[in-house]
Amino acid sequence: MLTITEVYNNIPCREGLTTDWGFSCLIEEAGLLFDTGAKGDVLLSNMQVLGIDPAGIRYLVLSHDHWDHIGGLEAVLAASPSMKVFVHDAFSEKTLGLIRSYAEPRIIGEWTEITDGIAVTGPLGTGIREQSLAVAVPDGYLIVTGCAHPHIGRIVERVSREGAVWGVIGGFHTVSGEDIDALAGVEYISASHCTDKIGELQERYPGSFRPGGVGKVHRIG
């Protein structure tokens, strides 16, 4: 069983948690945190409510260097300074310097497996460069995105070179018609955070769509 819990999101899903613009989720079995939301106090508060100890985080993967995905960075690093941190070459020296005050960041340039069954795509896109997670599940890969600035269709295309794309969760940002078409055949779709066409995705793929939000727990396998 794979358990992915959304610990930061501007979309509500569970009572007792704080909603705030940003995104972060935890792959519980791997101790892997993906992004950190916008505010460290909100992130840590939500983790506490969810019964998650940040000291148990072993890996931190950052998708891109935007405030609503790295704002909780220092709070997480202080709570678990021995974690391994994965970024890419588009991160600023300011962000890298903050990470280096706790741990040496690992700069990802291409598809890289960071722990058993979990890989990082490496940075995609020519404008806002961003990387996503590809998590091995029984029927292929589950993609986890921060904002999908390179477009979700481009990310799906990259991961599909490694194997079938079974699911996609996270922020999809600006969704084009081509992006919606690219999700045909994907069995698990959970768009949230910055996605501009959640309604259209739900209408097009009613059997695959799952609402996302802070406190949402994705149980797979």
N, C-alpha and C. Protein backbone atom coordinates (compact mmCIF):
# COMPACT_ATOMS: atom_id res chain seq x y z
N MET A 1 0.84 -1.20 0.00
CA MET A 1 0.00 0.00 0.00
C MET A 1 0.88 1.25 0.00
N LEU A 2 0.55 2.18 -0.88
CA LEU A 2 1.24 3.47 -0.96
C LEU A 2 0.31 4.53 -0.39
N THR A 3 0.83 5.34 0.52
CA THR A 3 0.02 6.37 1.16
C THR A 3 0.64 7.74 0.90
N ILE A 4 -0.09 8.59 0.20
CA ILE A 4 0.36 9.95 -0.08
C ILE A 4 -0.63 10.91 0.55
N THR A 5 -0.15 11.72 1.48
CA THR A 5 -1.01 12.64 2.21
C THR A 5 -0.68 14.08 1.83
N GLU A 6 -1.70 14.82 1.43
CA GLU A 6 -1.52 16.24 1.10
C GLU A 6 -1.51 17.03 2.41
N VAL A 7 -0.37 17.60 2.73
CA VAL A 7 -0.21 18.31 4.00
C VAL A 7 -0.31 19.83 3.84
N TYR A 8 -0.35 20.30 2.61
CA TYR A 8 -0.47 21.74 2.35
C TYR A 8 -1.22 21.92 1.04
N ASN A 9 -2.28 22.70 1.09
CA ASN A 9 -3.04 22.97 -0.13
C ASN A 9 -3.97 24.13 0.16
N ASN A 10 -4.27 24.90 -0.87
CA ASN A 10 -5.22 25.99 -0.74
C ASN A 10 -6.66 25.51 -0.90
N ILE A 11 -6.84 24.25 -1.25
CA ILE A 11 -8.17 23.66 -1.38
C ILE A 11 -8.46 22.82 -0.14
N PRO A 12 -9.59 23.05 0.52
CA PRO A 12 -9.89 22.28 1.73
C PRO A 12 -10.35 20.87 1.40
N CYS A 13 -10.07 19.95 2.32
CA CYS A 13 -10.53 18.58 2.16
C CYS A 13 -10.94 17.98 3.50
N ARG A 14 -10.28 18.39 4.57
CA ARG A 14 -10.55 17.82 5.89
C ARG A 14 -10.60 18.92 6.93
N GLU A 15 -11.56 18.84 7.82
CA GLU A 15 -11.71 19.83 8.88
C GLU A 15 -10.54 19.76 9.86
N GLY A 16 -10.24 20.91 10.45
CA GLY A 16 -9.19 20.97 11.45
C GLY A 16 -7.82 21.31 10.90
N LEU A 17 -7.73 21.44 9.58
CA LEU A 17 -6.46 21.78 8.93
C LEU A 17 -6.53 23.18 8.36
N THR A 18 -5.37 23.81 8.20
CA THR A 18 -5.30 25.16 7.67
C THR A 18 -5.10 25.12 6.16
N THR A 19 -5.96 25.81 5.44
CA THR A 19 -5.77 25.96 4.00
C THR A 19 -4.98 27.23 3.74
N ASP A 20 -4.07 27.16 2.80
CA ASP A 20 -3.25 28.32 2.44
C ASP A 20 -2.66 28.06 1.06
N TRP A 21 -2.45 29.11 0.29
CA TRP A 21 -1.98 28.93 -1.08
C TRP A 21 -0.62 28.23 -1.10
N GLY A 22 -0.57 27.11 -1.78
CA GLY A 22 0.67 26.35 -1.88
C GLY A 22 0.38 24.87 -1.97
N PHE A 23 1.44 24.09 -2.00
CA PHE A 23 1.27 22.63 -2.11
C PHE A 23 2.43 21.91 -1.45
N SER A 24 2.10 20.81 -0.79
CA SER A 24 3.09 19.88 -0.25
C SER A 24 2.39 18.56 0.02
N CYS A 25 3.09 17.47 -0.21
CA CYS A 25 2.53 16.16 0.13
C CYS A 25 3.64 15.25 0.61
N LEU A 26 3.24 14.24 1.37
CA LEU A 26 4.18 13.31 1.97
C LEU A 26 3.89 11.90 1.49
N ILE A 27 4.91 11.23 0.94
CA ILE A 27 4.82 9.81 0.66
C ILE A 27 5.26 9.11 1.94
N GLU A 28 4.30 8.62 2.68
CA GLU A 28 4.57 8.22 4.06
C GLU A 28 5.53 7.04 4.17
N GLU A 29 5.37 6.03 3.33
CA GLU A 29 6.21 4.84 3.44
C GLU A 29 7.68 5.14 3.18
N ALA A 30 7.95 6.12 2.32
CA ALA A 30 9.32 6.47 1.97
C ALA A 30 9.88 7.59 2.85
N GLY A 31 9.03 8.23 3.63
CA GLY A 31 9.48 9.40 4.38
C GLY A 31 9.91 10.52 3.46
N LEU A 32 9.19 10.68 2.34
CA LEU A 32 9.57 11.65 1.32
C LEU A 32 8.56 12.78 1.26
N LEU A 33 9.03 14.00 1.49
CA LEU A 33 8.20 15.19 1.39
C LEU A 33 8.45 15.84 0.04
N PHE A 34 7.37 16.18 -0.65
CA PHE A 34 7.46 16.84 -1.95
C PHE A 34 6.94 18.26 -1.79
N ASP A 35 7.82 19.23 -1.92
CA ASP A 35 7.54 20.65 -1.74
C ASP A 35 7.17 20.94 -0.28
N THR A 36 7.11 22.24 0.05
CA THR A 36 6.92 22.61 1.47
C THR A 36 5.85 23.66 1.68
N GLY A 37 5.04 23.96 0.65
CA GLY A 37 4.04 24.99 0.82
C GLY A 37 4.66 26.37 0.98
N ALA A 38 3.85 27.33 1.45
CA ALA A 38 4.28 28.72 1.53
C ALA A 38 4.77 29.15 2.91
N LYS A 39 4.25 28.51 3.96
CA LYS A 39 4.55 28.97 5.32
C LYS A 39 4.91 27.79 6.21
N GLY A 40 6.05 27.90 6.87
CA GLY A 40 6.50 26.81 7.72
C GLY A 40 5.58 26.52 8.88
N ASP A 41 5.00 27.57 9.49
CA ASP A 41 4.13 27.33 10.64
C ASP A 41 2.86 26.59 10.24
N VAL A 42 2.34 26.91 9.07
CA VAL A 42 1.14 26.22 8.58
C VAL A 42 1.47 24.76 8.27
N LEU A 43 2.60 24.54 7.62
CA LEU A 43 3.01 23.18 7.27
C LEU A 43 3.17 22.32 8.52
N LEU A 44 3.90 22.82 9.51
CA LEU A 44 4.13 22.04 10.72
C LEU A 44 2.85 21.84 11.52
N SER A 45 1.98 22.84 11.53
CA SER A 45 0.70 22.70 12.22
C SER A 45 -0.15 21.61 11.58
N ASN A 46 -0.23 21.62 10.25
CA ASN A 46 -1.01 20.59 9.57
C ASN A 46 -0.42 19.20 9.80
N MET A 47 0.90 19.11 9.79
CA MET A 47 1.52 17.82 10.06
C MET A 47 1.16 17.32 11.46
N GLN A 48 1.18 18.23 12.42
CA GLN A 48 0.85 17.84 13.79
C GLN A 48 -0.57 17.31 13.88
N VAL A 49 -1.51 18.00 13.25
CA VAL A 49 -2.91 17.56 13.26
C VAL A 49 -3.04 16.19 12.61
N LEU A 50 -2.26 15.95 11.56
CA LEU A 50 -2.32 14.69 10.83
C LEU A 50 -1.50 13.58 11.48
N GLY A 51 -0.82 13.90 12.57
CA GLY A 51 -0.03 12.89 13.27
C GLY A 51 1.27 12.55 12.59
N ILE A 52 1.82 13.50 11.84
CA ILE A 52 3.07 13.30 11.11
C ILE A 52 4.21 13.99 11.84
N ASP A 53 5.26 13.26 12.13
CA ASP A 53 6.44 13.82 12.79
C ASP A 53 7.44 14.27 11.72
N PRO A 54 7.70 15.57 11.58
CA PRO A 54 8.63 16.03 10.54
C PRO A 54 10.04 15.51 10.73
N ALA A 55 10.39 15.11 11.94
CA ALA A 55 11.73 14.55 12.18
C ALA A 55 11.93 13.23 11.45
N GLY A 56 10.84 12.62 11.01
CA GLY A 56 10.93 11.35 10.29
C GLY A 56 11.10 11.50 8.79
N ILE A 57 11.14 12.74 8.30
CA ILE A 57 11.31 12.96 6.86
C ILE A 57 12.75 12.64 6.47
N ARG A 58 12.92 11.74 5.51
CA ARG A 58 14.25 11.33 5.08
C ARG A 58 14.67 11.97 3.76
N TYR A 59 13.67 12.31 2.94
CA TYR A 59 13.95 12.90 1.63
C TYR A 59 13.05 14.11 1.43
N LEU A 60 13.60 15.14 0.81
CA LEU A 60 12.82 16.31 0.41
C LEU A 60 13.11 16.59 -1.05
N VAL A 61 12.07 16.59 -1.86
CA VAL A 61 12.19 16.93 -3.28
C VAL A 61 11.44 18.23 -3.52
N LEU A 62 12.11 19.20 -4.11
CA LEU A 62 11.49 20.48 -4.45
C LEU A 62 11.26 20.55 -5.95
N SER A 63 10.04 20.89 -6.33
CA SER A 63 9.69 20.90 -7.75
C SER A 63 10.22 22.13 -8.48
N HIS A 64 10.06 23.30 -7.86
CA HIS A 64 10.54 24.54 -8.49
C HIS A 64 10.65 25.62 -7.42
N ASP A 65 11.35 26.68 -7.78
CA ASP A 65 11.77 27.69 -6.80
C ASP A 65 10.76 28.82 -6.68
N HIS A 66 9.50 28.48 -6.41
CA HIS A 66 8.47 29.49 -6.19
C HIS A 66 8.06 29.49 -4.73
N TRP A 67 7.70 30.67 -4.23
CA TRP A 67 7.45 30.90 -2.81
C TRP A 67 6.42 29.94 -2.22
N ASP A 68 5.42 29.57 -3.02
CA ASP A 68 4.35 28.73 -2.48
C ASP A 68 4.71 27.24 -2.46
N HIS A 69 5.96 26.94 -2.84
CA HIS A 69 6.44 25.56 -2.80
C HIS A 69 7.71 25.41 -1.95
N ILE A 70 8.36 26.53 -1.64
CA ILE A 70 9.59 26.47 -0.83
C ILE A 70 9.48 27.27 0.47
N GLY A 71 8.33 27.89 0.73
CA GLY A 71 8.20 28.76 1.90
C GLY A 71 8.38 28.07 3.23
N GLY A 72 8.07 26.77 3.28
CA GLY A 72 8.23 26.02 4.52
C GLY A 72 9.57 25.31 4.62
N LEU A 73 10.48 25.64 3.72
CA LEU A 73 11.75 24.92 3.61
C LEU A 73 12.56 24.95 4.91
N GLU A 74 12.76 26.14 5.46
CA GLU A 74 13.61 26.23 6.65
C GLU A 74 13.00 25.48 7.84
N ALA A 75 11.69 25.55 7.98
CA ALA A 75 11.03 24.85 9.09
C ALA A 75 11.23 23.35 8.99
N VAL A 76 11.15 22.82 7.78
CA VAL A 76 11.33 21.38 7.58
C VAL A 76 12.78 20.98 7.80
N LEU A 77 13.70 21.77 7.26
CA LEU A 77 15.12 21.46 7.43
C LEU A 77 15.53 21.49 8.90
N ALA A 78 15.01 22.44 9.64
CA ALA A 78 15.33 22.53 11.06
C ALA A 78 14.79 21.33 11.84
N ALA A 79 13.64 20.82 11.40
CA ALA A 79 13.02 19.69 12.09
C ALA A 79 13.72 18.37 11.78
N SER A 80 14.32 18.28 10.58
CA SER A 80 14.98 17.03 10.18
C SER A 80 16.23 17.36 9.36
N PRO A 81 17.29 17.87 9.98
CA PRO A 81 18.46 18.35 9.24
C PRO A 81 19.26 17.26 8.54
N SER A 82 19.00 16.00 8.83
CA SER A 82 19.75 14.93 8.17
C SER A 82 19.11 14.46 6.87
N MET A 83 17.99 15.05 6.49
CA MET A 83 17.30 14.62 5.27
C MET A 83 18.14 14.91 4.02
N LYS A 84 17.90 14.16 2.97
CA LYS A 84 18.52 14.39 1.68
C LYS A 84 17.60 15.29 0.86
N VAL A 85 18.17 16.33 0.27
CA VAL A 85 17.38 17.34 -0.43
C VAL A 85 17.73 17.32 -1.92
N PHE A 86 16.69 17.28 -2.76
CA PHE A 86 16.87 17.19 -4.20
C PHE A 86 16.25 18.41 -4.87
N VAL A 87 17.07 19.14 -5.63
CA VAL A 87 16.63 20.32 -6.37
C VAL A 87 17.11 20.18 -7.82
N HIS A 88 17.07 21.26 -8.58
CA HIS A 88 17.65 21.24 -9.93
C HIS A 88 18.34 22.57 -10.20
N ASP A 89 18.85 22.74 -11.41
CA ASP A 89 19.75 23.86 -11.68
C ASP A 89 19.07 25.22 -11.81
N ALA A 90 17.74 25.27 -11.72
CA ALA A 90 17.05 26.55 -11.83
C ALA A 90 16.77 27.19 -10.47
N PHE A 91 17.25 26.58 -9.40
CA PHE A 91 17.04 27.16 -8.07
C PHE A 91 18.05 28.28 -7.83
N SER A 92 17.59 29.32 -7.15
CA SER A 92 18.42 30.50 -6.90
C SER A 92 19.51 30.20 -5.88
N GLU A 93 20.55 31.03 -5.90
CA GLU A 93 21.61 30.90 -4.91
C GLU A 93 21.08 31.15 -3.50
N LYS A 94 20.07 32.00 -3.38
CA LYS A 94 19.48 32.25 -2.07
C LYS A 94 18.87 30.98 -1.50
N THR A 95 18.09 30.27 -2.33
CA THR A 95 17.46 29.03 -1.87
C THR A 95 18.51 27.96 -1.60
N LEU A 96 19.48 27.84 -2.50
CA LEU A 96 20.54 26.85 -2.30
C LEU A 96 21.34 27.14 -1.04
N GLY A 97 21.58 28.43 -0.78
CA GLY A 97 22.32 28.81 0.42
C GLY A 97 21.57 28.43 1.69
N LEU A 98 20.25 28.61 1.67
CA LEU A 98 19.44 28.21 2.82
C LEU A 98 19.55 26.71 3.05
N ILE A 99 19.44 25.94 1.98
CA ILE A 99 19.55 24.48 2.10
C ILE A 99 20.93 24.10 2.64
N ARG A 100 21.98 24.75 2.12
CA ARG A 100 23.35 24.39 2.52
C ARG A 100 23.64 24.70 3.98
N SER A 101 22.84 25.56 4.58
CA SER A 101 23.04 25.81 6.00
C SER A 101 22.60 24.62 6.86
N TYR A 102 21.93 23.66 6.22
CA TYR A 102 21.51 22.44 6.91
C TYR A 102 22.05 21.18 6.24
N ALA A 103 22.05 21.14 4.91
CA ALA A 103 22.43 19.93 4.18
C ALA A 103 22.93 20.31 2.79
N GLU A 104 23.71 19.45 2.18
CA GLU A 104 24.19 19.71 0.83
C GLU A 104 23.13 19.25 -0.17
N PRO A 105 22.58 20.19 -0.97
CA PRO A 105 21.54 19.78 -1.92
C PRO A 105 22.10 18.95 -3.06
N ARG A 106 21.31 18.06 -3.56
CA ARG A 106 21.68 17.26 -4.72
C ARG A 106 20.99 17.85 -5.94
N ILE A 107 21.79 18.25 -6.91
CA ILE A 107 21.27 18.92 -8.11
C ILE A 107 20.92 17.86 -9.14
N ILE A 108 19.64 17.77 -9.49
CA ILE A 108 19.17 16.77 -10.44
C ILE A 108 19.12 17.38 -11.83
N GLY A 109 19.69 16.67 -12.81
CA GLY A 109 19.68 17.17 -14.18
C GLY A 109 18.88 16.32 -15.14
N GLU A 110 18.55 15.10 -14.73
CA GLU A 110 17.83 14.18 -15.61
C GLU A 110 17.09 13.17 -14.74
N TRP A 111 16.41 12.24 -15.40
CA TRP A 111 15.68 11.20 -14.67
C TRP A 111 16.61 10.52 -13.68
N THR A 112 16.23 10.52 -12.41
CA THR A 112 17.08 9.97 -11.36
C THR A 112 16.22 9.25 -10.33
N GLU A 113 16.58 8.00 -10.03
CA GLU A 113 15.89 7.29 -8.94
C GLU A 113 16.51 7.72 -7.62
N ILE A 114 15.68 8.16 -6.70
CA ILE A 114 16.22 8.67 -5.43
C ILE A 114 16.04 7.70 -4.28
N THR A 115 15.10 6.79 -4.41
CA THR A 115 14.93 5.69 -3.46
C THR A 115 14.12 4.63 -4.18
N ASP A 116 13.99 3.46 -3.60
CA ASP A 116 13.33 2.36 -4.30
C ASP A 116 11.94 2.74 -4.80
N GLY A 117 11.76 2.67 -6.12
CA GLY A 117 10.45 2.90 -6.70
C GLY A 117 10.04 4.34 -6.86
N ILE A 118 10.91 5.28 -6.54
CA ILE A 118 10.57 6.70 -6.67
C ILE A 118 11.68 7.42 -7.42
N ALA A 119 11.31 8.05 -8.53
CA ALA A 119 12.27 8.79 -9.35
C ALA A 119 11.84 10.24 -9.49
N VAL A 120 12.81 11.07 -9.84
CA VAL A 120 12.56 12.47 -10.18
C VAL A 120 12.78 12.62 -11.68
N THR A 121 11.90 13.35 -12.35
CA THR A 121 12.01 13.49 -13.80
C THR A 121 13.22 14.29 -14.22
N GLY A 122 13.74 15.13 -13.32
CA GLY A 122 14.69 16.16 -13.73
C GLY A 122 13.90 17.34 -14.26
N PRO A 123 14.54 18.50 -14.40
CA PRO A 123 13.81 19.71 -14.78
C PRO A 123 13.31 19.65 -16.22
N LEU A 124 12.06 20.04 -16.40
CA LEU A 124 11.44 20.13 -17.71
C LEU A 124 10.98 21.56 -17.94
N GLY A 125 10.79 21.92 -19.21
CA GLY A 125 10.29 23.24 -19.55
C GLY A 125 11.40 24.21 -19.90
N THR A 126 11.04 25.24 -20.64
CA THR A 126 12.01 26.26 -21.05
C THR A 126 11.77 27.59 -20.36
N GLY A 127 10.62 27.77 -19.75
CA GLY A 127 10.33 28.99 -19.02
C GLY A 127 10.60 28.76 -17.55
N ILE A 128 9.55 28.39 -16.83
CA ILE A 128 9.70 28.00 -15.43
C ILE A 128 10.05 26.52 -15.41
N ARG A 129 11.29 26.24 -15.06
CA ARG A 129 11.74 24.84 -15.07
C ARG A 129 11.28 24.16 -13.79
N GLU A 130 10.81 22.93 -13.97
CA GLU A 130 10.18 22.23 -12.85
C GLU A 130 10.39 20.73 -13.00
N GLN A 131 10.54 20.06 -11.87
CA GLN A 131 10.64 18.61 -11.89
C GLN A 131 9.47 18.00 -11.12
N SER A 132 9.14 16.76 -11.46
CA SER A 132 8.04 16.05 -10.84
C SER A 132 8.54 14.70 -10.33
N LEU A 133 7.74 14.08 -9.49
CA LEU A 133 8.03 12.73 -9.02
C LEU A 133 7.34 11.71 -9.92
N ALA A 134 7.97 10.56 -10.07
CA ALA A 134 7.35 9.41 -10.73
C ALA A 134 7.47 8.24 -9.75
N VAL A 135 6.33 7.79 -9.25
CA VAL A 135 6.30 6.77 -8.22
C VAL A 135 5.78 5.47 -8.83
N ALA A 136 6.55 4.40 -8.69
CA ALA A 136 6.14 3.11 -9.24
C ALA A 136 4.96 2.55 -8.45
N VAL A 137 3.90 2.19 -9.18
CA VAL A 137 2.72 1.56 -8.59
C VAL A 137 2.45 0.28 -9.40
N PRO A 138 1.55 -0.58 -8.96
CA PRO A 138 1.38 -1.86 -9.65
C PRO A 138 1.12 -1.77 -11.15
N ASP A 139 0.43 -0.73 -11.60
CA ASP A 139 0.07 -0.64 -13.01
C ASP A 139 0.82 0.44 -13.78
N GLY A 140 1.97 0.85 -13.28
CA GLY A 140 2.76 1.85 -14.00
C GLY A 140 3.36 2.88 -13.06
N TYR A 141 3.19 4.15 -13.41
CA TYR A 141 3.73 5.24 -12.60
C TYR A 141 2.62 6.19 -12.17
N LEU A 142 2.75 6.67 -10.95
CA LEU A 142 1.94 7.77 -10.46
C LEU A 142 2.82 9.01 -10.46
N ILE A 143 2.40 10.04 -11.19
CA ILE A 143 3.14 11.30 -11.25
C ILE A 143 2.63 12.23 -10.15
N VAL A 144 3.57 12.88 -9.46
CA VAL A 144 3.22 13.90 -8.48
C VAL A 144 3.82 15.21 -8.96
N THR A 145 2.97 16.22 -9.18
CA THR A 145 3.43 17.50 -9.70
C THR A 145 3.24 18.60 -8.67
N GLY A 146 4.06 19.65 -8.79
CA GLY A 146 3.89 20.82 -7.96
C GLY A 146 2.90 21.78 -8.59
N CYS A 147 3.29 22.33 -9.76
CA CYS A 147 2.42 23.23 -10.52
C CYS A 147 2.29 22.82 -11.99
N ALA A 148 3.13 21.90 -12.45
CA ALA A 148 3.12 21.48 -13.85
C ALA A 148 3.27 22.66 -14.80
N HIS A 149 4.19 23.57 -14.47
CA HIS A 149 4.44 24.70 -15.37
C HIS A 149 4.87 24.26 -16.78
N PRO A 150 5.60 23.16 -16.93
CA PRO A 150 5.95 22.72 -18.29
C PRO A 150 4.77 22.15 -19.06
N HIS A 151 3.60 22.08 -18.43
CA HIS A 151 2.35 21.50 -18.92
C HIS A 151 2.29 20.01 -18.58
N ILE A 152 1.13 19.62 -18.09
CA ILE A 152 0.95 18.25 -17.64
C ILE A 152 1.14 17.26 -18.79
N GLY A 153 0.77 17.66 -20.01
CA GLY A 153 0.98 16.77 -21.15
C GLY A 153 2.45 16.48 -21.39
N ARG A 154 3.30 17.47 -21.21
CA ARG A 154 4.75 17.29 -21.39
C ARG A 154 5.30 16.36 -20.30
N ILE A 155 4.82 16.52 -19.10
CA ILE A 155 5.29 15.66 -18.00
C ILE A 155 4.85 14.22 -18.22
N VAL A 156 3.60 14.04 -18.63
CA VAL A 156 3.10 12.69 -18.92
C VAL A 156 3.93 12.05 -20.03
N GLU A 157 4.25 12.84 -21.05
CA GLU A 157 5.06 12.31 -22.16
C GLU A 157 6.42 11.85 -21.67
N ARG A 158 7.05 12.63 -20.79
CA ARG A 158 8.38 12.25 -20.29
C ARG A 158 8.32 10.97 -19.48
N VAL A 159 7.38 10.88 -18.58
CA VAL A 159 7.30 9.70 -17.72
C VAL A 159 6.90 8.47 -18.52
N SER A 160 6.09 8.65 -19.55
CA SER A 160 5.64 7.51 -20.36
C SER A 160 6.79 6.84 -21.11
N ARG A 161 7.92 7.53 -21.24
CA ARG A 161 9.09 6.88 -21.84
C ARG A 161 9.64 5.79 -20.93
N GLU A 162 9.36 5.89 -19.65
CA GLU A 162 9.85 4.91 -18.68
C GLU A 162 8.85 3.80 -18.41
N GLY A 163 7.58 4.06 -18.70
CA GLY A 163 6.53 3.08 -18.44
C GLY A 163 5.17 3.74 -18.50
N ALA A 164 4.12 2.95 -18.38
CA ALA A 164 2.76 3.47 -18.45
C ALA A 164 2.49 4.45 -17.31
N VAL A 165 1.75 5.51 -17.62
CA VAL A 165 1.35 6.47 -16.60
C VAL A 165 -0.02 6.05 -16.07
N TRP A 166 -0.07 5.63 -14.82
CA TRP A 166 -1.31 5.18 -14.21
C TRP A 166 -2.10 6.32 -13.58
N GLY A 167 -1.39 7.29 -12.99
CA GLY A 167 -2.08 8.36 -12.30
C GLY A 167 -1.27 9.64 -12.23
N VAL A 168 -1.97 10.74 -11.92
CA VAL A 168 -1.33 12.05 -11.76
C VAL A 168 -2.04 12.79 -10.63
N ILE A 169 -1.27 13.32 -9.69
CA ILE A 169 -1.85 14.15 -8.63
C ILE A 169 -1.01 15.41 -8.46
N GLY A 170 -1.67 16.47 -7.95
CA GLY A 170 -0.96 17.71 -7.67
C GLY A 170 -1.56 18.89 -8.40
N GLY A 171 -0.75 19.94 -8.57
CA GLY A 171 -1.18 21.13 -9.29
C GLY A 171 -0.88 21.01 -10.77
N PHE A 172 -1.87 21.34 -11.60
CA PHE A 172 -1.71 21.24 -13.06
C PHE A 172 -1.61 22.61 -13.72
N HIS A 173 -1.75 23.68 -12.96
CA HIS A 173 -1.65 25.07 -13.43
C HIS A 173 -2.56 25.33 -14.63
N THR A 174 -2.01 25.90 -15.71
CA THR A 174 -2.81 26.24 -16.88
C THR A 174 -2.96 25.00 -17.75
N VAL A 175 -4.18 24.51 -17.87
CA VAL A 175 -4.44 23.26 -18.58
C VAL A 175 -4.98 23.58 -19.97
N SER A 176 -4.28 23.12 -21.00
CA SER A 176 -4.72 23.31 -22.38
C SER A 176 -5.58 22.13 -22.82
N GLY A 177 -6.20 22.27 -23.99
CA GLY A 177 -6.94 21.15 -24.55
C GLY A 177 -6.06 19.95 -24.79
N GLU A 178 -4.83 20.22 -25.22
CA GLU A 178 -3.87 19.12 -25.44
C GLU A 178 -3.51 18.42 -24.13
N ASP A 179 -3.42 19.20 -23.05
CA ASP A 179 -3.14 18.59 -21.75
C ASP A 179 -4.27 17.66 -21.32
N ILE A 180 -5.50 18.12 -21.52
CA ILE A 180 -6.65 17.28 -21.16
C ILE A 180 -6.64 16.00 -21.98
N ASP A 181 -6.35 16.12 -23.27
CA ASP A 181 -6.29 14.93 -24.13
C ASP A 181 -5.19 13.98 -23.67
N ALA A 182 -4.07 14.53 -23.19
CA ALA A 182 -2.92 13.70 -22.80
C ALA A 182 -3.24 12.81 -21.60
N LEU A 183 -4.31 13.13 -20.88
CA LEU A 183 -4.68 12.34 -19.71
C LEU A 183 -5.62 11.19 -20.04
N ALA A 184 -5.96 11.04 -21.31
CA ALA A 184 -6.81 9.92 -21.73
C ALA A 184 -6.12 8.60 -21.37
N GLY A 185 -6.83 7.73 -20.72
CA GLY A 185 -6.27 6.45 -20.32
C GLY A 185 -5.63 6.44 -18.95
N VAL A 186 -5.44 7.63 -18.36
CA VAL A 186 -4.89 7.70 -17.00
C VAL A 186 -6.02 7.35 -16.02
N GLU A 187 -5.76 6.43 -15.13
CA GLU A 187 -6.82 5.88 -14.29
C GLU A 187 -7.09 6.67 -13.01
N TYR A 188 -6.13 7.50 -12.59
CA TYR A 188 -6.28 8.21 -11.32
C TYR A 188 -5.81 9.64 -11.54
N ILE A 189 -6.74 10.59 -11.48
CA ILE A 189 -6.44 12.00 -11.72
C ILE A 189 -6.93 12.81 -10.53
N SER A 190 -6.02 13.49 -9.86
CA SER A 190 -6.40 14.33 -8.73
C SER A 190 -5.71 15.68 -8.88
N ALA A 191 -6.42 16.61 -9.48
CA ALA A 191 -5.87 17.95 -9.74
C ALA A 191 -6.34 18.90 -8.65
N SER A 192 -5.42 19.73 -8.16
CA SER A 192 -5.77 20.68 -7.10
C SER A 192 -4.86 21.90 -7.19
N HIS A 193 -4.66 22.56 -6.07
CA HIS A 193 -3.77 23.72 -5.94
C HIS A 193 -4.05 24.77 -7.01
N CYS A 194 -3.20 24.88 -8.02
CA CYS A 194 -3.27 25.97 -9.00
C CYS A 194 -4.01 25.59 -10.28
N THR A 195 -4.59 24.42 -10.34
CA THR A 195 -5.23 23.94 -11.58
C THR A 195 -6.38 24.85 -11.96
N ASP A 196 -6.38 25.33 -13.21
CA ASP A 196 -7.40 26.29 -13.63
C ASP A 196 -8.65 25.64 -14.22
N LYS A 197 -8.61 24.36 -14.51
CA LYS A 197 -9.76 23.71 -15.17
C LYS A 197 -10.14 22.41 -14.47
N ILE A 198 -10.29 22.49 -13.16
CA ILE A 198 -10.68 21.30 -12.41
C ILE A 198 -12.03 20.79 -12.88
N GLY A 199 -12.97 21.69 -13.11
CA GLY A 199 -14.30 21.29 -13.56
C GLY A 199 -14.27 20.57 -14.89
N GLU A 200 -13.47 21.07 -15.83
CA GLU A 200 -13.37 20.43 -17.14
C GLU A 200 -12.75 19.05 -17.04
N LEU A 201 -11.74 18.91 -16.19
CA LEU A 201 -11.11 17.60 -16.01
C LEU A 201 -12.09 16.61 -15.39
N GLN A 202 -12.85 17.06 -14.42
CA GLN A 202 -13.82 16.19 -13.76
C GLN A 202 -14.92 15.78 -14.74
N GLU A 203 -15.32 16.71 -15.60
CA GLU A 203 -16.37 16.41 -16.59
C GLU A 203 -15.86 15.44 -17.65
N ARG A 204 -14.62 15.63 -18.09
CA ARG A 204 -14.05 14.78 -19.14
C ARG A 204 -13.74 13.38 -18.63
N TYR A 205 -13.25 13.30 -17.38
CA TYR A 205 -12.82 12.00 -16.84
C TYR A 205 -13.52 11.71 -15.50
N PRO A 206 -14.85 11.56 -15.53
CA PRO A 206 -15.59 11.38 -14.26
C PRO A 206 -15.23 10.09 -13.53
N GLY A 207 -14.82 9.07 -14.25
CA GLY A 207 -14.48 7.81 -13.60
C GLY A 207 -13.09 7.79 -13.00
N SER A 208 -12.24 8.72 -13.42
CA SER A 208 -10.85 8.74 -12.97
C SER A 208 -10.56 9.86 -11.97
N PHE A 209 -11.40 10.90 -11.98
CA PHE A 209 -11.09 12.09 -11.19
C PHE A 209 -11.35 11.86 -9.71
N ARG A 210 -10.40 12.32 -8.88
CA ARG A 210 -10.53 12.30 -7.42
C ARG A 210 -10.23 13.71 -6.90
N PRO A 211 -11.11 14.30 -6.11
CA PRO A 211 -10.82 15.63 -5.56
C PRO A 211 -9.57 15.60 -4.68
N GLY A 212 -8.80 16.67 -4.74
CA GLY A 212 -7.63 16.81 -3.88
C GLY A 212 -7.82 17.95 -2.91
N GLY A 213 -6.92 18.10 -1.96
CA GLY A 213 -6.99 19.18 -1.00
C GLY A 213 -6.21 18.83 0.25
N VAL A 214 -6.04 19.80 1.13
CA VAL A 214 -5.24 19.57 2.33
C VAL A 214 -5.93 18.53 3.22
N GLY A 215 -5.18 17.51 3.57
CA GLY A 215 -5.71 16.40 4.34
C GLY A 215 -6.13 15.21 3.52
N LYS A 216 -6.18 15.37 2.20
CA LYS A 216 -6.52 14.25 1.33
C LYS A 216 -5.46 13.17 1.45
N VAL A 217 -5.91 11.93 1.62
CA VAL A 217 -5.00 10.79 1.69
C VAL A 217 -5.25 9.91 0.48
N HIS A 218 -4.24 9.76 -0.35
CA HIS A 218 -4.32 8.88 -1.52
C HIS A 218 -3.74 7.53 -1.11
N ARG A 219 -4.57 6.51 -1.10
CA ARG A 219 -4.10 5.15 -0.78
C ARG A 219 -4.15 4.31 -2.05
N ILE A 220 -3.01 3.81 -2.44
CA ILE A 220 -2.87 3.15 -3.74
C ILE A 220 -2.20 1.81 -3.56
N GLY A 221 -2.76 0.80 -4.21
CA GLY A 221 -2.15 -0.52 -4.18
C GLY A 221 -2.93 -1.52 -3.36
